[in-house]
C-alpha atoms as a PDB file:
ATOM      1  CA  UNK A   1     104.699 -24.552  35.749  1.00  0.00           C
ATOM      2  CA  UNK A   2     102.008 -24.531  38.442  1.00  0.00           C
ATOM      3  CA  UNK A   3     103.886 -27.228  40.371  1.00  0.00           C
ATOM      4  CA  UNK A   4     107.104 -25.203  40.453  1.00  0.00           C
ATOM      5  CA  UNK A   5     105.178 -22.065  41.436  1.00  0.00           C
ATOM      6  CA  UNK A   6     103.719 -23.968  44.377  1.00  0.00           C
ATOM      7  CA  UNK A   7     107.183 -25.093  45.472  1.00  0.00           C
ATOM      8  CA  UNK A   8     108.455 -21.512  45.256  1.00  0.00           C
ATOM      9  CA  UNK A   9     105.581 -20.323  47.423  1.00  0.00           C
ATOM     10  CA  UNK A  10     106.353 -22.975  50.041  1.00  0.00           C
ATOM     11  CA  UNK A  11     110.049 -22.042  50.059  1.00  0.00           C
ATOM     12  CA  UNK A  12     109.224 -18.352  50.436  1.00  0.00           C
ATOM     13  CA  UNK A  13     106.796 -19.073  53.271  1.00  0.00           C
ATOM     14  CA  UNK A  14     109.415 -21.193  55.046  1.00  0.00           C
ATOM     15  CA  UNK A  15     111.999 -18.416  54.742  1.00  0.00           C
ATOM     16  CA  UNK A  16     109.509 -15.865  56.024  1.00  0.00           C
ATOM     17  CA  UNK A  17     108.744 -18.090  59.019  1.00  0.00           C
ATOM     18  CA  UNK A  18     112.449 -18.457  59.833  1.00  0.00           C
ATOM     19  CA  UNK A  19     113.104 -14.730  59.530  1.00  0.00           C
ATOM     20  CA  UNK A  20     109.967 -13.929  61.547  1.00  0.00           C
ATOM     21  CA  UNK A  21     111.018 -16.306  64.313  1.00  0.00           C
ATOM     22  CA  UNK A  22     114.499 -14.768  64.402  1.00  0.00           C
ATOM     23  CA  UNK A  23     113.092 -11.245  64.499  1.00  0.00           C
ATOM     24  CA  UNK A  24     110.659 -12.214  67.274  1.00  0.00           C
ATOM     25  CA  UNK A  25     113.497 -13.730  69.277  1.00  0.00           C
ATOM     26  CA  UNK A  26     115.669 -10.648  68.805  1.00  0.00           C
ATOM     27  CA  UNK A  27     112.797  -8.360  69.798  1.00  0.00           C
ATOM     28  CA  UNK A  28     112.037 -10.567  72.784  1.00  0.00           C
ATOM     29  CA  UNK A  29     115.622 -10.358  74.005  1.00  0.00           C
ATOM     30  CA  UNK A  30     115.498  -6.572  73.803  1.00  0.00           C
ATOM     31  CA  UNK A  31     112.511  -6.356  76.141  1.00  0.00           C
ATOM     32  CA  UNK A  32     113.678  -9.087  78.529  1.00  0.00           C
ATOM     33  CA  UNK A  33     115.096  -6.916  81.343  1.00  0.00           C
ATOM     34  CA  UNK A  34     111.636  -5.410  81.958  1.00  0.00           C
ATOM     35  CA  UNK A  35     110.959  -8.309  84.350  1.00  0.00           C
ATOM     36  CA  UNK A  36     113.869  -7.268  86.558  1.00  0.00           C
ATOM     37  CA  UNK A  37     112.810  -3.623  86.432  1.00  0.00           C
ATOM     38  CA  UNK A  38     109.475  -4.440  88.105  1.00  0.00           C
ATOM     39  CA  UNK A  39     111.164  -4.985  91.455  1.00  0.00           C
ATOM     40  CA  UNK A  40     113.115  -2.588  93.693  1.00  0.00           C
ATOM     41  CA  UNK A  41     116.736  -2.980  94.739  1.00  0.00           C
ATOM     42  CA  UNK A  42     117.195  -3.709  98.437  1.00  0.00           C
ATOM     43  CA  UNK A  43     119.627  -2.038 100.822  1.00  0.00           C
ATOM     44  CA  UNK A  44     122.246  -4.525 101.974  1.00  0.00           C
ATOM     45  CA  UNK A  45     122.310  -3.616 105.668  1.00  0.00           C
ATOM     46  CA  UNK A  46     118.530  -3.818 105.944  1.00  0.00           C
ATOM     47  CA  UNK A  47     117.908  -7.062 104.074  1.00  0.00           C
ATOM     48  CA  UNK A  48     121.173  -9.063 104.085  1.00  0.00           C
ATOM     49  CA  UNK A  49     123.886 -10.287 106.445  1.00  0.00           C
ATOM     50  CA  UNK A  50     127.554 -11.187 105.927  1.00  0.00           C
ATOM     51  CA  UNK A  51     127.936 -14.866 106.829  1.00  0.00           C
ATOM     52  CA  UNK A  52     131.698 -15.186 106.421  1.00  0.00           C
ATOM     53  CA  UNK A  53     134.643 -13.474 104.790  1.00  0.00           C
ATOM     54  CA  UNK A  54     135.917  -9.916 104.888  1.00  0.00           C
ATOM     55  CA  UNK A  55     133.787  -7.528 107.001  1.00  0.00           C
ATOM     56  CA  UNK A  56     134.640  -4.809 104.461  1.00  0.00           C
ATOM     57  CA  UNK A  57     132.924  -6.546 101.561  1.00  0.00           C
ATOM     58  CA  UNK A  58     130.079  -3.981 101.441  1.00  0.00           C
ATOM     59  CA  UNK A  59     130.679  -0.427 100.192  1.00  0.00           C
ATOM     60  CA  UNK A  60     129.689   2.663 102.162  1.00  0.00           C
ATOM     61  CA  UNK A  61     126.301   3.171 100.499  1.00  0.00           C
ATOM     62  CA  UNK A  62     125.225  -0.440 101.064  1.00  0.00           C
ATOM     63  CA  UNK A  63     124.654  -1.108  97.364  1.00  0.00           C
ATOM     64  CA  UNK A  64     127.766  -2.929  96.097  1.00  0.00           C
ATOM     65  CA  UNK A  65     129.170  -6.145  97.568  1.00  0.00           C
ATOM     66  CA  UNK A  66     132.509  -7.747  96.720  1.00  0.00           C
ATOM     67  CA  UNK A  67     133.360 -11.328  97.680  1.00  0.00           C
ATOM     68  CA  UNK A  68     137.050 -12.272  97.745  1.00  0.00           C
ATOM     69  CA  UNK A  69     138.821 -15.631  97.653  1.00  0.00           C
ATOM     70  CA  UNK A  70     142.474 -15.898  98.673  1.00  0.00           C
ATOM     71  CA  UNK A  71     144.512 -18.006 101.092  1.00  0.00           C
ATOM     72  CA  UNK A  72     143.619 -15.738 104.002  1.00  0.00           C
ATOM     73  CA  UNK A  73     139.869 -15.328 103.538  1.00  0.00           C
ATOM     74  CA  UNK A  74     138.956 -18.741 102.118  1.00  0.00           C
ATOM     75  CA  UNK A  75     136.168 -17.011 100.225  1.00  0.00           C
ATOM     76  CA  UNK A  76     133.109 -15.160 101.445  1.00  0.00           C
ATOM     77  CA  UNK A  77     129.359 -15.029 101.439  1.00  0.00           C
ATOM     78  CA  UNK A  78     126.189 -13.235 102.434  1.00  0.00           C
ATOM     79  CA  UNK A  79     122.559 -14.214 102.886  1.00  0.00           C
ATOM     80  CA  UNK A  80     119.113 -12.702 103.189  1.00  0.00           C
ATOM     81  CA  UNK A  81     118.031 -12.001 106.762  1.00  0.00           C
ATOM     82  CA  UNK A  82     114.661 -13.602 106.102  1.00  0.00           C
ATOM     83  CA  UNK A  83     113.430 -16.833 104.612  1.00  0.00           C
ATOM     84  CA  UNK A  84     110.915 -16.677 101.787  1.00  0.00           C
ATOM     85  CA  UNK A  85     108.014 -18.903 100.818  1.00  0.00           C
ATOM     86  CA  UNK A  86     108.290 -18.252  97.063  1.00  0.00           C
ATOM     87  CA  UNK A  87     110.089 -15.248  95.664  1.00  0.00           C
ATOM     88  CA  UNK A  88     111.970 -13.381  92.970  1.00  0.00           C
ATOM     89  CA  UNK A  89     115.706 -13.211  93.667  1.00  0.00           C
ATOM     90  CA  UNK A  90     118.051 -11.238  91.447  1.00  0.00           C
ATOM     91  CA  UNK A  91     121.482  -9.608  91.366  1.00  0.00           C
ATOM     92  CA  UNK A  92     123.812  -7.990  88.890  1.00  0.00           C
ATOM     93  CA  UNK A  93     127.036  -9.982  89.102  1.00  0.00           C
ATOM     94  CA  UNK A  94     130.501  -9.560  87.619  1.00  0.00           C
ATOM     95  CA  UNK A  95     132.530 -12.769  87.780  1.00  0.00           C
ATOM     96  CA  UNK A  96     136.262 -13.222  88.480  1.00  0.00           C
ATOM     97  CA  UNK A  97     138.337 -12.678  85.336  1.00  0.00           C
ATOM     98  CA  UNK A  98     141.517 -14.116  83.793  1.00  0.00           C
ATOM     99  CA  UNK A  99     142.576 -17.464  85.322  1.00  0.00           C
ATOM    100  CA  UNK A 100     139.744 -18.420  87.678  1.00  0.00           C
ATOM    101  CA  UNK A 101     139.835 -22.222  87.425  1.00  0.00           C
ATOM    102  CA  UNK A 102     138.450 -23.974  90.496  1.00  0.00           C
ATOM    103  CA  UNK A 103     136.719 -20.816  91.715  1.00  0.00           C
ATOM    104  CA  UNK A 104     132.952 -21.129  92.178  1.00  0.00           C
ATOM    105  CA  UNK A 105     130.624 -18.148  92.434  1.00  0.00           C
ATOM    106  CA  UNK A 106     127.165 -19.173  93.639  1.00  0.00           C
ATOM    107  CA  UNK A 107     123.811 -17.373  93.818  1.00  0.00           C
ATOM    108  CA  UNK A 108     121.171 -19.679  95.231  1.00  0.00           C
ATOM    109  CA  UNK A 109     118.351 -20.368  97.666  1.00  0.00           C
ATOM    110  CA  UNK A 110     118.406 -23.139 100.249  1.00  0.00           C
ATOM    111  CA  UNK A 111     116.886 -24.322 103.525  1.00  0.00           C
ATOM    112  CA  UNK A 112     119.525 -26.953 104.337  1.00  0.00           C
ATOM    113  CA  UNK A 113     120.191 -25.246 107.678  1.00  0.00           C
ATOM    114  CA  UNK A 114     116.576 -25.908 108.719  1.00  0.00           C
ATOM    115  CA  UNK A 115     115.871 -29.182 106.882  1.00  0.00           C
ATOM    116  CA  UNK A 116     119.233 -31.000 106.596  1.00  0.00           C
ATOM    117  CA  UNK A 117     117.626 -34.270 105.452  1.00  0.00           C
ATOM    118  CA  UNK A 118     114.852 -32.888 103.253  1.00  0.00           C
ATOM    119  CA  UNK A 119     116.112 -29.562 102.002  1.00  0.00           C
ATOM    120  CA  UNK A 120     115.109 -27.562  98.933  1.00  0.00           C
ATOM    121  CA  UNK A 121     117.588 -25.672  96.764  1.00  0.00           C
ATOM    122  CA  UNK A 122     117.674 -23.545  93.597  1.00  0.00           C
ATOM    123  CA  UNK A 123     121.170 -22.905  92.223  1.00  0.00           C
ATOM    124  CA  UNK A 124     123.101 -20.649  89.935  1.00  0.00           C
ATOM    125  CA  UNK A 125     126.756 -21.781  90.040  1.00  0.00           C
ATOM    126  CA  UNK A 126     129.388 -20.066  87.897  1.00  0.00           C
ATOM    127  CA  UNK A 127     132.392 -22.303  87.291  1.00  0.00           C
ATOM    128  CA  UNK A 128     135.777 -20.614  86.868  1.00  0.00           C
ATOM    129  CA  UNK A 129     137.885 -21.059  83.748  1.00  0.00           C
ATOM    130  CA  UNK A 130     141.354 -21.149  82.291  1.00  0.00           C
ATOM    131  CA  UNK A 131     141.982 -18.274  79.852  1.00  0.00           C
ATOM    132  CA  UNK A 132     140.600 -18.849  76.382  1.00  0.00           C
ATOM    133  CA  UNK A 133     137.651 -20.964  77.507  1.00  0.00           C
ATOM    134  CA  UNK A 134     134.111 -19.725  78.255  1.00  0.00           C
ATOM    135  CA  UNK A 135     132.499 -19.623  81.668  1.00  0.00           C
ATOM    136  CA  UNK A 136     130.048 -22.400  82.477  1.00  0.00           C
ATOM    137  CA  UNK A 137     126.819 -21.463  84.243  1.00  0.00           C
ATOM    138  CA  UNK A 138     125.278 -24.419  86.044  1.00  0.00           C
ATOM    139  CA  UNK A 139     121.684 -24.444  87.279  1.00  0.00           C
ATOM    140  CA  UNK A 140     120.262 -27.071  89.601  1.00  0.00           C
ATOM    141  CA  UNK A 141     117.030 -27.799  91.473  1.00  0.00           C
ATOM    142  CA  UNK A 142     116.504 -29.952  94.576  1.00  0.00           C
ATOM    143  CA  UNK A 143     113.134 -30.524  96.216  1.00  0.00           C
ATOM    144  CA  UNK A 144     112.458 -32.205  99.550  1.00  0.00           C
ATOM    145  CA  UNK A 145     115.931 -33.716  99.783  1.00  0.00           C
ATOM    146  CA  UNK A 146     115.870 -35.193  96.272  1.00  0.00           C
ATOM    147  CA  UNK A 147     119.659 -34.960  96.061  1.00  0.00           C
ATOM    148  CA  UNK A 148     119.968 -38.422  94.531  1.00  0.00           C
ATOM    149  CA  UNK A 149     118.533 -36.888  91.358  1.00  0.00           C
ATOM    150  CA  UNK A 150     120.942 -34.181  90.269  1.00  0.00           C
ATOM    151  CA  UNK A 151     119.046 -31.885  87.920  1.00  0.00           C
ATOM    152  CA  UNK A 152     122.049 -30.031  86.555  1.00  0.00           C
ATOM    153  CA  UNK A 153     121.912 -28.072  83.315  1.00  0.00           C
ATOM    154  CA  UNK A 154     124.982 -26.273  82.007  1.00  0.00           C
ATOM    155  CA  UNK A 155     125.251 -23.283  79.706  1.00  0.00           C
ATOM    156  CA  UNK A 156     127.802 -21.013  78.123  1.00  0.00           C
ATOM    157  CA  UNK A 157     126.862 -17.351  77.789  1.00  0.00           C
ATOM    158  CA  UNK A 158     126.438 -14.981  74.844  1.00  0.00           C
ATOM    159  CA  UNK A 159     128.739 -12.425  76.499  1.00  0.00           C
ATOM    160  CA  UNK A 160     131.881 -12.279  78.644  1.00  0.00           C
ATOM    161  CA  UNK A 161     130.564 -12.272  82.246  1.00  0.00           C
ATOM    162  CA  UNK A 162     133.866 -10.935  83.602  1.00  0.00           C
ATOM    163  CA  UNK A 163     133.844  -7.650  81.690  1.00  0.00           C
ATOM    164  CA  UNK A 164     130.663  -6.130  83.101  1.00  0.00           C
ATOM    165  CA  UNK A 165     127.704  -6.752  85.388  1.00  0.00           C
ATOM    166  CA  UNK A 166     124.792  -8.886  84.174  1.00  0.00           C
ATOM    167  CA  UNK A 167     121.444  -9.780  85.753  1.00  0.00           C
ATOM    168  CA  UNK A 168     120.954 -13.326  87.080  1.00  0.00           C
ATOM    169  CA  UNK A 169     117.491 -14.024  88.486  1.00  0.00           C
ATOM    170  CA  UNK A 170     115.394 -16.842  89.955  1.00  0.00           C
ATOM    171  CA  UNK A 171     111.590 -16.792  89.931  1.00  0.00           C
ATOM    172  CA  UNK A 172     110.044 -19.386  92.242  1.00  0.00           C
ATOM    173  CA  UNK A 173     106.330 -19.689  92.940  1.00  0.00           C
ATOM    174  CA  UNK A 174     103.666 -22.376  93.240  1.00  0.00           C
ATOM    175  CA  UNK A 175     103.341 -22.625  89.446  1.00  0.00           C
ATOM    176  CA  UNK A 176     106.918 -22.921  88.197  1.00  0.00           C
ATOM    177  CA  UNK A 177     110.581 -22.112  88.780  1.00  0.00           C
ATOM    178  CA  UNK A 178     112.469 -20.108  86.141  1.00  0.00           C
ATOM    179  CA  UNK A 179     116.130 -19.114  85.819  1.00  0.00           C
ATOM    180  CA  UNK A 180     116.861 -15.890  83.907  1.00  0.00           C
ATOM    181  CA  UNK A 181     120.025 -14.286  82.509  1.00  0.00           C
ATOM    182  CA  UNK A 182     119.601 -10.596  81.673  1.00  0.00           C
ATOM    183  CA  UNK A 183     115.845 -11.162  81.746  1.00  0.00           C
ATOM    184  CA  UNK A 184     116.033 -14.072  79.289  1.00  0.00           C
ATOM    185  CA  UNK A 185     114.625 -17.358  80.645  1.00  0.00           C
ATOM    186  CA  UNK A 186     117.139 -20.163  80.197  1.00  0.00           C
ATOM    187  CA  UNK A 187     115.379 -22.862  82.205  1.00  0.00           C
ATOM    188  CA  UNK A 188     111.897 -23.602  83.523  1.00  0.00           C
ATOM    189  CA  UNK A 189     110.579 -26.343  85.791  1.00  0.00           C
ATOM    190  CA  UNK A 190     106.789 -26.495  85.873  1.00  0.00           C
ATOM    191  CA  UNK A 191     105.173 -27.842  89.028  1.00  0.00           C
ATOM    192  CA  UNK A 192     103.191 -31.006  88.289  1.00  0.00           C
ATOM    193  CA  UNK A 193     101.535 -33.949  90.012  1.00  0.00           C
ATOM    194  CA  UNK A 194     104.148 -36.285  88.545  1.00  0.00           C
ATOM    195  CA  UNK A 195     106.955 -34.247  90.107  1.00  0.00           C
ATOM    196  CA  UNK A 196     105.176 -34.336  93.462  1.00  0.00           C
ATOM    197  CA  UNK A 197     107.307 -33.544  96.508  1.00  0.00           C
ATOM    198  CA  UNK A 198     110.412 -33.112  94.379  1.00  0.00           C
ATOM    199  CA  UNK A 199     109.221 -29.592  93.573  1.00  0.00           C
ATOM    200  CA  UNK A 200     110.642 -27.117  96.147  1.00  0.00           C
ATOM    201  CA  UNK A 201     107.893 -25.985  98.520  1.00  0.00           C
ATOM    202  CA  UNK A 202     109.495 -25.004 101.838  1.00  0.00           C
ATOM    203  CA  UNK A 203     110.679 -21.507 102.763  1.00  0.00           C
ATOM    204  CA  UNK A 204     114.265 -20.758 101.711  1.00  0.00           C
ATOM    205  CA  UNK A 205     117.030 -18.245 102.378  1.00  0.00           C
ATOM    206  CA  UNK A 206     118.930 -16.516  99.576  1.00  0.00           C
ATOM    207  CA  UNK A 207     122.723 -16.963  99.564  1.00  0.00           C
ATOM    208  CA  UNK A 208     125.615 -15.588  97.517  1.00  0.00           C
ATOM    209  CA  UNK A 209     129.053 -17.157  97.986  1.00  0.00           C
ATOM    210  CA  UNK A 210     132.552 -17.384  96.513  1.00  0.00           C
ATOM    211  CA  UNK A 211     134.547 -20.501  97.336  1.00  0.00           C
ATOM    212  CA  UNK A 212     137.169 -23.081  96.325  1.00  0.00           C
ATOM    213  CA  UNK A 213     135.667 -25.873  94.220  1.00  0.00           C
ATOM    214  CA  UNK A 214     138.986 -27.243  92.970  1.00  0.00           C
ATOM    215  CA  UNK A 215     137.941 -30.884  93.287  1.00  0.00           C
ATOM    216  CA  UNK A 216     135.155 -30.644  90.686  1.00  0.00           C
ATOM    217  CA  UNK A 217     134.445 -27.213  89.208  1.00  0.00           C
ATOM    218  CA  UNK A 218     136.760 -26.838  86.208  1.00  0.00           C
ATOM    219  CA  UNK A 219     136.930 -29.785  83.824  1.00  0.00           C
ATOM    220  CA  UNK A 220     136.181 -32.253  86.606  1.00  0.00           C
ATOM    221  CA  UNK A 221     138.909 -30.926  88.894  1.00  0.00           C
ATOM    222  CA  UNK A 222     141.687 -30.969  86.289  1.00  0.00           C
ATOM    223  CA  UNK A 223     142.450 -27.308  86.973  1.00  0.00           C
ATOM    224  CA  UNK A 224     142.456 -26.316  90.683  1.00  0.00           C
ATOM    225  CA  UNK A 225     142.547 -22.834  92.171  1.00  0.00           C
ATOM    226  CA  UNK A 226     145.957 -21.191  91.709  1.00  0.00           C
ATOM    227  CA  UNK A 227     146.341 -19.009  94.797  1.00  0.00           C
ATOM    228  CA  UNK A 228     149.439 -17.378  93.334  1.00  0.00           C
ATOM    229  CA  UNK A 229     146.969 -15.471  91.111  1.00  0.00           C
ATOM    230  CA  UNK A 230     144.703 -14.446  94.013  1.00  0.00           C
ATOM    231  CA  UNK A 231     142.720 -12.519  95.027  1.00  0.00           C
ATOM    232  CA  UNK A 232     139.715 -13.690  93.013  1.00  0.00           C
ATOM    233  CA  UNK A 233     136.785 -11.282  93.238  1.00  0.00           C
ATOM    234  CA  UNK A 234     133.085 -11.545  92.434  1.00  0.00           C
ATOM    235  CA  UNK A 235     131.064  -8.335  92.598  1.00  0.00           C
ATOM    236  CA  UNK A 236     127.321  -7.985  93.273  1.00  0.00           C
ATOM    237  CA  UNK A 237     124.961  -5.030  93.053  1.00  0.00           C
ATOM    238  CA  UNK A 238     121.312  -4.166  92.332  1.00  0.00           C
ATOM    239  CA  UNK A 239     120.222  -6.877  94.770  1.00  0.00           C
ATOM    240  CA  UNK A 240     116.511  -7.642  94.551  1.00  0.00           C
ATOM    241  CA  UNK A 241     114.281  -9.599  96.923  1.00  0.00           C
ATOM    242  CA  UNK A 242     110.557  -9.953  96.359  1.00  0.00           C
ATOM    243  CA  UNK A 243     108.250 -12.481  97.913  1.00  0.00           C
ATOM    244  CA  UNK A 244     106.407 -13.897 100.864  1.00  0.00           C
ATOM    245  CA  UNK A 245     108.480 -13.511 104.033  1.00  0.00           C
ATOM    246  CA  UNK A 246     108.235 -16.624 106.160  1.00  0.00           C
ATOM    247  CA  UNK A 247     106.933 -16.069 109.674  1.00  0.00           C
ATOM    248  CA  UNK A 248     107.598 -18.871 112.140  1.00  0.00           C
ATOM    249  CA  UNK A 249     104.870 -17.554 114.450  1.00  0.00           C
ATOM    250  CA  UNK A 250     102.165 -17.939 111.793  1.00  0.00           C
ATOM    251  CA  UNK A 251     102.647 -21.053 109.692  1.00  0.00           C
ATOM    252  CA  UNK A 252     101.962 -20.497 106.910  1.00  0.00           C
ATOM    253  CA  UNK A 253     101.943 -16.684 106.741  1.00  0.00           C
ATOM    254  CA  UNK A 254      98.858 -15.159 105.093  1.00  0.00           C
ATOM    255  CA  UNK A 255     100.762 -14.407 101.894  1.00  0.00           C
ATOM    256  CA  UNK A 256     102.106 -17.935 101.395  1.00  0.00           C
ATOM    257  CA  UNK A 257      99.124 -19.261  99.487  1.00  0.00           C
ATOM    258  CA  UNK A 258      97.287 -16.047  98.734  1.00  0.00           C
ATOM    259  CA  UNK A 259      95.836 -15.536  95.274  1.00  0.00           C
ATOM    260  CA  UNK A 260      95.487 -11.801  95.939  1.00  0.00           C
ATOM    261  CA  UNK A 261      98.244  -9.819  94.181  1.00  0.00           C
ATOM    262  CA  UNK A 262      98.157  -7.202  96.940  1.00  0.00           C
ATOM    263  CA  UNK A 263      99.241  -9.938  99.359  1.00  0.00           C
ATOM    264  CA  UNK A 264     101.716 -11.637  97.053  1.00  0.00           C
ATOM    265  CA  UNK A 265     102.830  -9.934  93.847  1.00  0.00           C
ATOM    266  CA  UNK A 266     104.210 -13.211  92.496  1.00  0.00           C
ATOM    267  CA  UNK A 267     100.646 -14.505  92.288  1.00  0.00           C
ATOM    268  CA  UNK A 268      99.840 -12.008  89.540  1.00  0.00           C
ATOM    269  CA  UNK A 269      98.878 -13.821  86.285  1.00  0.00           C
ATOM    270  CA  UNK A 270     102.013 -12.575  84.490  1.00  0.00           C
ATOM    271  CA  UNK A 271     104.078 -14.846  86.757  1.00  0.00           C
ATOM    272  CA  UNK A 272     101.980 -17.996  86.334  1.00  0.00           C
ATOM    273  CA  UNK A 273     103.640 -19.073  83.094  1.00  0.00           C
ATOM    274  CA  UNK A 274     106.040 -17.901  80.403  1.00  0.00           C
ATOM    275  CA  UNK A 275     104.455 -15.941  77.584  1.00  0.00           C
ATOM    276  CA  UNK A 276     105.073 -16.481  73.874  1.00  0.00           C
ATOM    277  CA  UNK A 277     108.026 -14.118  73.665  1.00  0.00           C
ATOM    278  CA  UNK A 278     109.650 -15.598  76.745  1.00  0.00           C
ATOM    279  CA  UNK A 279     109.326 -19.066  75.223  1.00  0.00           C
ATOM    280  CA  UNK A 280     111.067 -17.815  72.090  1.00  0.00           C
ATOM    281  CA  UNK A 281     113.821 -16.424  74.288  1.00  0.00           C
ATOM    282  CA  UNK A 282     114.218 -19.692  76.151  1.00  0.00           C
ATOM    283  CA  UNK A 283     114.251 -21.743  72.946  1.00  0.00           C
ATOM    284  CA  UNK A 284     116.985 -19.462  71.583  1.00  0.00           C
ATOM    285  CA  UNK A 285     119.099 -19.689  74.755  1.00  0.00           C
ATOM    286  CA  UNK A 286     118.783 -23.445  75.122  1.00  0.00           C
ATOM    287  CA  UNK A 287     119.334 -24.191  71.432  1.00  0.00           C
ATOM    288  CA  UNK A 288     122.448 -22.064  71.191  1.00  0.00           C
ATOM    289  CA  UNK A 289     124.076 -22.089  74.627  1.00  0.00           C
ATOM    290  CA  UNK A 290     123.002 -25.122  76.686  1.00  0.00           C
ATOM    291  CA  UNK A 291     125.633 -27.840  76.350  1.00  0.00           C
ATOM    292  CA  UNK A 292     124.538 -30.292  79.058  1.00  0.00           C
ATOM    293  CA  UNK A 293     121.173 -31.378  80.472  1.00  0.00           C
ATOM    294  CA  UNK A 294     120.550 -34.179  82.927  1.00  0.00           C
ATOM    295  CA  UNK A 295     117.461 -35.034  80.883  1.00  0.00           C
ATOM    296  CA  UNK A 296     119.674 -36.233  78.018  1.00  0.00           C
ATOM    297  CA  UNK A 297     122.233 -38.095  80.146  1.00  0.00           C
ATOM    298  CA  UNK A 298     121.711 -41.800  79.457  1.00  0.00           C
ATOM    299  CA  UNK A 299     124.496 -42.937  81.778  1.00  0.00           C
ATOM    300  CA  UNK A 300     123.156 -41.174  84.856  1.00  0.00           C
ATOM    301  CA  UNK A 301     119.484 -41.703  84.033  1.00  0.00           C
ATOM    302  CA  UNK A 302     118.710 -44.638  81.702  1.00  0.00           C
ATOM    303  CA  UNK A 303     115.063 -43.737  82.358  1.00  0.00           C
ATOM    304  CA  UNK A 304     114.542 -39.999  82.126  1.00  0.00           C
ATOM    305  CA  UNK A 305     113.256 -38.237  85.282  1.00  0.00           C
ATOM    306  CA  UNK A 306     109.504 -37.615  85.199  1.00  0.00           C
ATOM    307  CA  UNK A 307     109.711 -33.903  84.398  1.00  0.00           C
ATOM    308  CA  UNK A 308     111.915 -34.398  81.332  1.00  0.00           C
ATOM    309  CA  UNK A 309     110.560 -34.277  77.770  1.00  0.00           C
ATOM    310  CA  UNK A 310     110.997 -37.206  75.405  1.00  0.00           C
ATOM    311  CA  UNK A 311     114.633 -38.031  74.888  1.00  0.00           C
ATOM    312  CA  UNK A 312     116.203 -36.229  71.925  1.00  0.00           C
ATOM    313  CA  UNK A 313     118.714 -37.556  69.420  1.00  0.00           C
ATOM    314  CA  UNK A 314     121.321 -35.628  71.413  1.00  0.00           C
ATOM    315  CA  UNK A 315     120.929 -37.887  74.463  1.00  0.00           C
ATOM    316  CA  UNK A 316     124.397 -39.006  75.478  1.00  0.00           C
ATOM    317  CA  UNK A 317     126.565 -40.529  78.147  1.00  0.00           C
ATOM    318  CA  UNK A 318     128.763 -38.081  79.994  1.00  0.00           C
ATOM    319  CA  UNK A 319     131.963 -37.932  82.002  1.00  0.00           C
ATOM    320  CA  UNK A 320     131.026 -34.564  83.489  1.00  0.00           C
ATOM    321  CA  UNK A 321     131.805 -34.166  87.202  1.00  0.00           C
ATOM    322  CA  UNK A 322     129.284 -32.535  89.525  1.00  0.00           C
ATOM    323  CA  UNK A 323     129.412 -31.114  93.028  1.00  0.00           C
ATOM    324  CA  UNK A 324     128.263 -33.435  95.785  1.00  0.00           C
ATOM    325  CA  UNK A 325     125.305 -31.692  97.371  1.00  0.00           C
ATOM    326  CA  UNK A 326     126.957 -31.605 100.817  1.00  0.00           C
ATOM    327  CA  UNK A 327     130.095 -29.891  99.524  1.00  0.00           C
ATOM    328  CA  UNK A 328     129.455 -26.248  98.817  1.00  0.00           C
ATOM    329  CA  UNK A 329     131.811 -24.105 100.851  1.00  0.00           C
ATOM    330  CA  UNK A 330     133.315 -23.647 104.267  1.00  0.00           C
ATOM    331  CA  UNK A 331     130.823 -21.125 105.560  1.00  0.00           C
ATOM    332  CA  UNK A 332     127.367 -22.547 104.855  1.00  0.00           C
ATOM    333  CA  UNK A 333     125.922 -24.268 107.887  1.00  0.00           C
ATOM    334  CA  UNK A 334     128.708 -22.970 110.152  1.00  0.00           C
ATOM    335  CA  UNK A 335     127.523 -19.413 110.597  1.00  0.00           C
ATOM    336  CA  UNK A 336     125.060 -17.822 112.978  1.00  0.00           C
ATOM    337  CA  UNK A 337     122.666 -15.977 110.751  1.00  0.00           C
ATOM    338  CA  UNK A 338     120.803 -12.955 112.087  1.00  0.00           C
ATOM    339  CA  UNK A 339     117.048 -13.524 111.830  1.00  0.00           C
ATOM    340  CA  UNK A 340     114.586 -10.707 111.350  1.00  0.00           C
ATOM    341  CA  UNK A 341     110.972 -11.775 110.921  1.00  0.00           C
ATOM    342  CA  UNK A 342     108.361  -9.505 109.380  1.00  0.00           C
ATOM    343  CA  UNK A 343     105.071 -10.913 110.617  1.00  0.00           C
ATOM    344  CA  UNK A 344     102.795 -12.180 107.842  1.00  0.00           C
ATOM    345  CA  UNK A 345     104.015  -9.708 105.235  1.00  0.00           C
ATOM    346  CA  UNK A 346     105.449  -9.624 101.765  1.00  0.00           C
ATOM    347  CA  UNK A 347     108.347  -7.621 100.452  1.00  0.00           C
ATOM    348  CA  UNK A 348     106.641  -5.805  97.640  1.00  0.00           C
ATOM    349  CA  UNK A 349     107.272  -3.124  95.073  1.00  0.00           C
ATOM    350  CA  UNK A 350     107.706   0.358  96.489  1.00  0.00           C
ATOM    351  CA  UNK A 351     105.239   2.900  95.187  1.00  0.00           C
END
């Protein structure tokens, strides 16, 4: 009798642990957006520039931006006026709906215009779909020109990203890089000695673009853009920029390596690492919605890259097609970007 009682106790404890973990994860997801709320929205005309596309993409109050892809425009894009040495970059985005195969919406940081052979890059890429299939969100990280190691991870989402706006955010500092969806971390890369120069360290510009990725984006290029269904529109609002503004006259600027929160808010301890609730969030997102990780791709990487955990039983070979790092869109690298340098300052929270 005592033996069976012990088994019952163990079963009950296991169930309690499962329920508790689920409740914690649910609670954690409810408080997630608080990260985004810590930073102010930025006026488009003051902090961003149109790099190509329709000059009417910004509404009258400078808060909402709409990128359009059709035969005439060839897409569109905008960028931050400044480069940042570390930062928090965020936007509420509504993706093109209905048939959007071949259409790529991108929200990313890069310095390829300054360092063409050793550039850094942090990507959100949203890959268009045929009706009845879910959007794929692809994240990627390049450091110091490490483009031979594609670090793609692909996710589906727990909502329809075409029906409403949702927050997509990138946190990048000297400790780690984290991708968030609606305040929920879906991916983290921790800076380490083993990773070395492959961790992004040079100042980057923020970009948002809409372009034709027919040759790779939807099921490896099986479904190209159908311009008979154009225009395709991606909408952005609640744009947030926070970080250390790069100053070419003072390299590095005082805030670049400061450990004083007044100089660089992203050096506050809350941004050094994910907390327990954020780790629960990330475990939930990756367990339920990540369907591809380069870390588990045996064909591409018979030996896992140094930052990857031990290979799981889900390690596989893949026929997934990825964007070549030089092929993003027609505008990047061909525009003259306005530069406005704020000497040795940070963009910080408004009081």
